Amino acid sequence: MDCFAVNDRGKCSILGSGMCQGKSCGFHKTKEEQERSLEKARERLRSLPEHQQDAIADKYYGGVRRW
């Protein structure tokens, strides 16, 4: 499978419900698509005002900006 979420045993690491369903799965993305999606999210976080970035970092990342 070419999905980013498939582990080395061919199981889905997102749903935890067994074998990968392939392209019919709503979570299916290639590794490249997933990386682009994550980079887009990081860009969005970086575009926020400093106080919002600080609030998000405090709430979800232990005060560390991971973007």
N, C-alpha and C. Protein backbone atom coordinates (compact mmCIF):
# COMPACT_ATOMS: atom_id res chain seq x y z
N MET A 1 0.84 -1.19 0.00
CA MET A 1 0.00 0.00 0.00
C MET A 1 0.87 1.24 0.00
N ASP A 2 0.38 2.27 -0.59
CA ASP A 2 1.12 3.52 -0.63
C ASP A 2 0.61 4.54 0.38
N CYS A 3 -0.25 4.13 1.30
CA CYS A 3 -0.82 5.04 2.29
C CYS A 3 0.19 5.30 3.41
N PHE A 4 0.25 6.56 3.84
CA PHE A 4 1.17 6.95 4.91
C PHE A 4 0.89 6.23 6.22
N ALA A 5 -0.33 5.78 6.44
CA ALA A 5 -0.73 5.23 7.73
C ALA A 5 -0.56 3.72 7.85
N VAL A 6 -0.13 3.06 6.79
CA VAL A 6 0.03 1.60 6.83
C VAL A 6 1.33 1.25 7.54
N ASN A 7 1.22 0.40 8.56
CA ASN A 7 2.43 -0.01 9.27
C ASN A 7 3.10 -1.18 8.55
N ASP A 8 4.17 -1.69 9.11
CA ASP A 8 4.95 -2.74 8.45
C ASP A 8 4.21 -4.07 8.34
N ARG A 9 3.10 -4.22 9.05
CA ARG A 9 2.30 -5.44 8.94
C ARG A 9 1.10 -5.26 8.03
N GLY A 10 1.01 -4.11 7.35
CA GLY A 10 -0.08 -3.85 6.43
C GLY A 10 -1.36 -3.39 7.11
N LYS A 11 -1.26 -3.03 8.37
CA LYS A 11 -2.44 -2.59 9.12
C LYS A 11 -2.49 -1.07 9.19
N CYS A 12 -3.70 -0.56 9.32
CA CYS A 12 -3.91 0.87 9.39
C CYS A 12 -3.57 1.37 10.80
N SER A 13 -2.66 2.33 10.89
CA SER A 13 -2.28 2.87 12.19
C SER A 13 -3.18 4.03 12.61
N ILE A 14 -4.07 4.48 11.75
CA ILE A 14 -5.00 5.55 12.07
C ILE A 14 -6.27 4.97 12.68
N LEU A 15 -6.88 4.06 11.99
CA LEU A 15 -8.15 3.51 12.45
C LEU A 15 -7.99 2.38 13.45
N GLY A 16 -6.90 1.66 13.37
CA GLY A 16 -6.67 0.56 14.30
C GLY A 16 -7.69 -0.56 14.15
N SER A 17 -8.33 -0.61 13.01
CA SER A 17 -9.40 -1.59 12.83
C SER A 17 -9.02 -2.73 11.89
N GLY A 18 -7.76 -2.86 11.60
CA GLY A 18 -7.36 -3.98 10.77
C GLY A 18 -6.64 -3.54 9.52
N MET A 19 -6.84 -4.28 8.47
CA MET A 19 -6.12 -4.07 7.23
C MET A 19 -6.51 -2.76 6.56
N CYS A 20 -5.56 -2.22 5.83
CA CYS A 20 -5.78 -0.99 5.07
C CYS A 20 -6.87 -1.23 4.04
N GLN A 21 -7.77 -0.27 3.92
CA GLN A 21 -8.86 -0.37 2.95
C GLN A 21 -8.51 0.23 1.60
N GLY A 22 -7.30 0.75 1.49
CA GLY A 22 -6.85 1.31 0.23
C GLY A 22 -7.49 2.65 -0.07
N LYS A 23 -7.63 2.95 -1.34
CA LYS A 23 -8.11 4.25 -1.76
C LYS A 23 -9.57 4.51 -1.41
N SER A 24 -10.29 3.50 -1.01
CA SER A 24 -11.69 3.72 -0.61
C SER A 24 -11.80 4.29 0.81
N CYS A 25 -10.71 4.29 1.54
CA CYS A 25 -10.68 4.82 2.91
C CYS A 25 -10.64 6.35 2.87
N GLY A 26 -11.42 6.99 3.72
CA GLY A 26 -11.45 8.44 3.79
C GLY A 26 -10.17 9.05 4.30
N PHE A 27 -9.31 8.28 4.94
CA PHE A 27 -8.06 8.78 5.47
C PHE A 27 -6.87 8.50 4.54
N HIS A 28 -7.11 7.84 3.43
CA HIS A 28 -6.02 7.44 2.53
C HIS A 28 -5.31 8.66 1.95
N LYS A 29 -3.98 8.69 2.14
CA LYS A 29 -3.10 9.70 1.54
C LYS A 29 -1.75 9.04 1.32
N THR A 30 -1.06 9.47 0.29
CA THR A 30 0.30 9.00 0.11
C THR A 30 1.18 9.71 1.14
N LYS A 31 2.38 9.24 1.31
CA LYS A 31 3.31 9.89 2.25
C LYS A 31 3.58 11.33 1.81
N GLU A 32 3.67 11.55 0.51
CA GLU A 32 3.91 12.89 -0.01
C GLU A 32 2.71 13.80 0.25
N GLU A 33 1.50 13.29 0.06
CA GLU A 33 0.30 14.08 0.34
C GLU A 33 0.20 14.42 1.83
N GLN A 34 0.55 13.48 2.67
CA GLN A 34 0.52 13.73 4.12
C GLN A 34 1.53 14.79 4.51
N GLU A 35 2.73 14.72 3.95
CA GLU A 35 3.75 15.72 4.27
C GLU A 35 3.31 17.11 3.81
N ARG A 36 2.71 17.19 2.62
CA ARG A 36 2.19 18.50 2.15
C ARG A 36 1.09 19.01 3.07
N SER A 37 0.23 18.13 3.52
CA SER A 37 -0.85 18.51 4.42
C SER A 37 -0.29 19.03 5.75
N LEU A 38 0.70 18.36 6.29
CA LEU A 38 1.32 18.79 7.54
C LEU A 38 2.04 20.12 7.38
N GLU A 39 2.71 20.30 6.24
CA GLU A 39 3.41 21.56 6.01
C GLU A 39 2.41 22.71 5.87
N LYS A 40 1.29 22.46 5.24
CA LYS A 40 0.25 23.48 5.12
C LYS A 40 -0.27 23.88 6.51
N ALA A 41 -0.45 22.90 7.38
CA ALA A 41 -0.90 23.19 8.75
C ALA A 41 0.15 23.98 9.51
N ARG A 42 1.43 23.61 9.34
CA ARG A 42 2.50 24.36 10.01
C ARG A 42 2.58 25.80 9.50
N GLU A 43 2.39 25.99 8.19
CA GLU A 43 2.39 27.34 7.63
C GLU A 43 1.25 28.16 8.22
N ARG A 44 0.09 27.54 8.36
CA ARG A 44 -1.05 28.24 8.94
C ARG A 44 -0.76 28.65 10.38
N LEU A 45 -0.18 27.75 11.15
CA LEU A 45 0.16 28.08 12.53
C LEU A 45 1.17 29.23 12.59
N ARG A 46 2.17 29.20 11.71
CA ARG A 46 3.17 30.26 11.70
C ARG A 46 2.58 31.61 11.29
N SER A 47 1.47 31.59 10.57
CA SER A 47 0.87 32.84 10.11
C SER A 47 0.01 33.52 11.19
N LEU A 48 -0.27 32.82 12.26
CA LEU A 48 -1.10 33.38 13.32
C LEU A 48 -0.33 34.41 14.13
N PRO A 49 -1.05 35.33 14.77
CA PRO A 49 -0.38 36.28 15.67
C PRO A 49 0.35 35.53 16.78
N GLU A 50 1.40 36.15 17.29
CA GLU A 50 2.24 35.54 18.32
C GLU A 50 1.44 35.04 19.52
N HIS A 51 0.50 35.83 19.99
CA HIS A 51 -0.26 35.42 21.19
C HIS A 51 -1.10 34.17 20.92
N GLN A 52 -1.60 34.02 19.70
CA GLN A 52 -2.36 32.81 19.38
C GLN A 52 -1.43 31.61 19.27
N GLN A 53 -0.26 31.81 18.68
CA GLN A 53 0.71 30.72 18.60
C GLN A 53 1.11 30.25 20.00
N ASP A 54 1.33 31.22 20.89
CA ASP A 54 1.70 30.88 22.27
C ASP A 54 0.59 30.10 22.96
N ALA A 55 -0.66 30.52 22.76
CA ALA A 55 -1.79 29.83 23.38
C ALA A 55 -1.91 28.40 22.88
N ILE A 56 -1.74 28.20 21.59
CA ILE A 56 -1.82 26.85 21.01
C ILE A 56 -0.67 25.99 21.52
N ALA A 57 0.53 26.55 21.52
CA ALA A 57 1.70 25.81 22.01
C ALA A 57 1.51 25.41 23.47
N ASP A 58 0.99 26.33 24.28
CA ASP A 58 0.77 26.02 25.70
C ASP A 58 -0.27 24.93 25.88
N LYS A 59 -1.36 25.02 25.14
CA LYS A 59 -2.47 24.08 25.32
C LYS A 59 -2.17 22.67 24.79
N TYR A 60 -1.52 22.59 23.62
CA TYR A 60 -1.38 21.30 22.96
C TYR A 60 0.03 20.73 22.91
N TYR A 61 1.05 21.57 23.10
CA TYR A 61 2.43 21.12 22.90
C TYR A 61 3.34 21.42 24.08
N GLY A 62 2.79 21.56 25.26
CA GLY A 62 3.61 21.80 26.44
C GLY A 62 4.42 23.08 26.37
N GLY A 63 3.89 24.08 25.67
CA GLY A 63 4.57 25.37 25.57
C GLY A 63 5.62 25.47 24.48
N VAL A 64 5.81 24.39 23.73
CA VAL A 64 6.84 24.37 22.68
C VAL A 64 6.18 24.51 21.32
N ARG A 65 6.64 25.45 20.54
CA ARG A 65 6.15 25.60 19.16
C ARG A 65 6.84 24.56 18.29
N ARG A 66 6.08 23.64 17.78
CA ARG A 66 6.66 22.58 16.94
C ARG A 66 6.43 22.86 15.46
N TRP A 67 6.28 24.12 15.15
CA TRP A 67 6.06 24.48 13.76
C TRP A 67 7.03 25.54 13.35
